[in-house]
C-alpha atoms as a PDB file:
ATOM      1  CA  UNK A   1      31.933 -20.824 -60.878  1.00  0.00           C
ATOM      2  CA  UNK A   2      35.075 -21.914 -61.937  1.00  0.00           C
ATOM      3  CA  UNK A   3      37.171 -18.682 -60.567  1.00  0.00           C
ATOM      4  CA  UNK A   4      40.634 -18.793 -61.624  1.00  0.00           C
ATOM      5  CA  UNK A   5      41.493 -17.488 -58.068  1.00  0.00           C
ATOM      6  CA  UNK A   6      39.803 -20.855 -56.954  1.00  0.00           C
ATOM      7  CA  UNK A   7      42.789 -23.186 -59.287  1.00  0.00           C
ATOM      8  CA  UNK A   8      43.529 -25.649 -58.770  1.00  0.00           C
ATOM      9  CA  UNK A   9      41.023 -27.309 -56.385  1.00  0.00           C
ATOM     10  CA  UNK A  10      38.012 -25.144 -57.220  1.00  0.00           C
ATOM     11  CA  UNK A  11      36.460 -26.037 -53.843  1.00  0.00           C
ATOM     12  CA  UNK A  12      33.380 -23.191 -54.170  1.00  0.00           C
ATOM     13  CA  UNK A  13      32.756 -24.786 -57.611  1.00  0.00           C
ATOM     14  CA  UNK A  14      32.706 -27.934 -56.261  1.00  0.00           C
ATOM     15  CA  UNK A  15      30.619 -27.309 -53.181  1.00  0.00           C
ATOM     16  CA  UNK A  16      28.126 -25.392 -55.423  1.00  0.00           C
ATOM     17  CA  UNK A  17      28.087 -28.547 -57.528  1.00  0.00           C
ATOM     18  CA  UNK A  18      27.603 -30.748 -54.546  1.00  0.00           C
ATOM     19  CA  UNK A  19      24.519 -28.356 -53.462  1.00  0.00           C
ATOM     20  CA  UNK A  20      22.954 -28.677 -56.725  1.00  0.00           C
ATOM     21  CA  UNK A  21      22.806 -32.247 -56.713  1.00  0.00           C
ATOM     22  CA  UNK A  22      21.294 -32.359 -53.080  1.00  0.00           C
ATOM     23  CA  UNK A  23      18.953 -30.294 -54.100  1.00  0.00           C
ATOM     24  CA  UNK A  24      17.902 -32.652 -57.283  1.00  0.00           C
ATOM     25  CA  UNK A  25      18.036 -35.632 -55.146  1.00  0.00           C
ATOM     26  CA  UNK A  26      15.530 -33.936 -52.687  1.00  0.00           C
ATOM     27  CA  UNK A  27      13.288 -32.514 -55.454  1.00  0.00           C
ATOM     28  CA  UNK A  28      13.269 -36.506 -57.042  1.00  0.00           C
ATOM     29  CA  UNK A  29      12.546 -37.716 -53.761  1.00  0.00           C
ATOM     30  CA  UNK A  30       9.600 -35.297 -53.158  1.00  0.00           C
ATOM     31  CA  UNK A  31       8.158 -35.932 -56.694  1.00  0.00           C
ATOM     32  CA  UNK A  32       8.188 -39.768 -56.064  1.00  0.00           C
ATOM     33  CA  UNK A  33       6.554 -39.281 -52.814  1.00  0.00           C
ATOM     34  CA  UNK A  34       4.129 -36.953 -53.961  1.00  0.00           C
ATOM     35  CA  UNK A  35       3.213 -39.146 -57.276  1.00  0.00           C
ATOM     36  CA  UNK A  36       3.026 -42.011 -54.643  1.00  0.00           C
ATOM     37  CA  UNK A  37       0.451 -40.392 -52.555  1.00  0.00           C
ATOM     38  CA  UNK A  38      -1.666 -39.554 -55.852  1.00  0.00           C
ATOM     39  CA  UNK A  39      -1.791 -42.742 -56.686  1.00  0.00           C
ATOM     40  CA  UNK A  40      -2.891 -44.382 -53.306  1.00  0.00           C
ATOM     41  CA  UNK A  41      -5.718 -41.358 -53.167  1.00  0.00           C
ATOM     42  CA  UNK A  42      -7.165 -42.285 -56.362  1.00  0.00           C
ATOM     43  CA  UNK A  43      -6.966 -45.591 -55.791  1.00  0.00           C
ATOM     44  CA  UNK A  44      -8.849 -45.162 -52.642  1.00  0.00           C
ATOM     45  CA  UNK A  45     -11.351 -43.116 -54.410  1.00  0.00           C
ATOM     46  CA  UNK A  46     -11.606 -45.911 -56.739  1.00  0.00           C
ATOM     47  CA  UNK A  47     -12.109 -48.601 -54.419  1.00  0.00           C
ATOM     48  CA  UNK A  48     -15.369 -46.725 -52.924  1.00  0.00           C
ATOM     49  CA  UNK A  49     -18.200 -48.451 -53.473  1.00  0.00           C
ATOM     50  CA  UNK A  50     -20.215 -45.151 -54.882  1.00  0.00           C
ATOM     51  CA  UNK A  51     -17.459 -44.779 -57.338  1.00  0.00           C
ATOM     52  CA  UNK A  52     -18.666 -45.365 -61.284  1.00  0.00           C
ATOM     53  CA  UNK A  53     -16.267 -44.617 -64.122  1.00  0.00           C
ATOM     54  CA  UNK A  54     -17.522 -42.336 -66.727  1.00  0.00           C
ATOM     55  CA  UNK A  55     -18.228 -43.554 -70.132  1.00  0.00           C
ATOM     56  CA  UNK A  56     -15.288 -42.320 -72.562  1.00  0.00           C
ATOM     57  CA  UNK A  57     -13.571 -40.838 -69.916  1.00  0.00           C
ATOM     58  CA  UNK A  58     -10.214 -40.369 -71.921  1.00  0.00           C
ATOM     59  CA  UNK A  59     -11.829 -37.801 -74.290  1.00  0.00           C
ATOM     60  CA  UNK A  60     -13.034 -35.575 -71.572  1.00  0.00           C
ATOM     61  CA  UNK A  61     -10.349 -33.469 -71.591  1.00  0.00           C
ATOM     62  CA  UNK A  62      -9.513 -34.067 -67.905  1.00  0.00           C
ATOM     63  CA  UNK A  63      -6.129 -33.055 -66.221  1.00  0.00           C
ATOM     64  CA  UNK A  64      -4.075 -35.740 -64.010  1.00  0.00           C
ATOM     65  CA  UNK A  65      -5.709 -34.119 -60.823  1.00  0.00           C
ATOM     66  CA  UNK A  66      -9.095 -34.106 -62.575  1.00  0.00           C
ATOM     67  CA  UNK A  67      -9.315 -37.863 -63.552  1.00  0.00           C
ATOM     68  CA  UNK A  68      -9.587 -40.364 -60.785  1.00  0.00           C
ATOM     69  CA  UNK A  69      -8.394 -43.093 -63.436  1.00  0.00           C
ATOM     70  CA  UNK A  70      -4.948 -41.455 -64.234  1.00  0.00           C
ATOM     71  CA  UNK A  71      -2.150 -43.211 -62.185  1.00  0.00           C
ATOM     72  CA  UNK A  72       1.290 -42.002 -62.380  1.00  0.00           C
ATOM     73  CA  UNK A  73       3.548 -44.509 -63.609  1.00  0.00           C
ATOM     74  CA  UNK A  74       6.760 -44.893 -61.059  1.00  0.00           C
END
């Protein structure tokens, strides 16, 4: 990225670094949005009148998507 012909300012390298940071920020905000969405969907599911918590649910080897009691920490 830091090629000698681009010295001394290395503009292509700076653009590449800024673009990578931008992609990381977009990814971070997407993950935050997705986790909040999952938390609210699971809260809605748990609030339904017919919802029954399974006994010993923590030992059932459920994934975060399968376990309605799992909440992402933000």
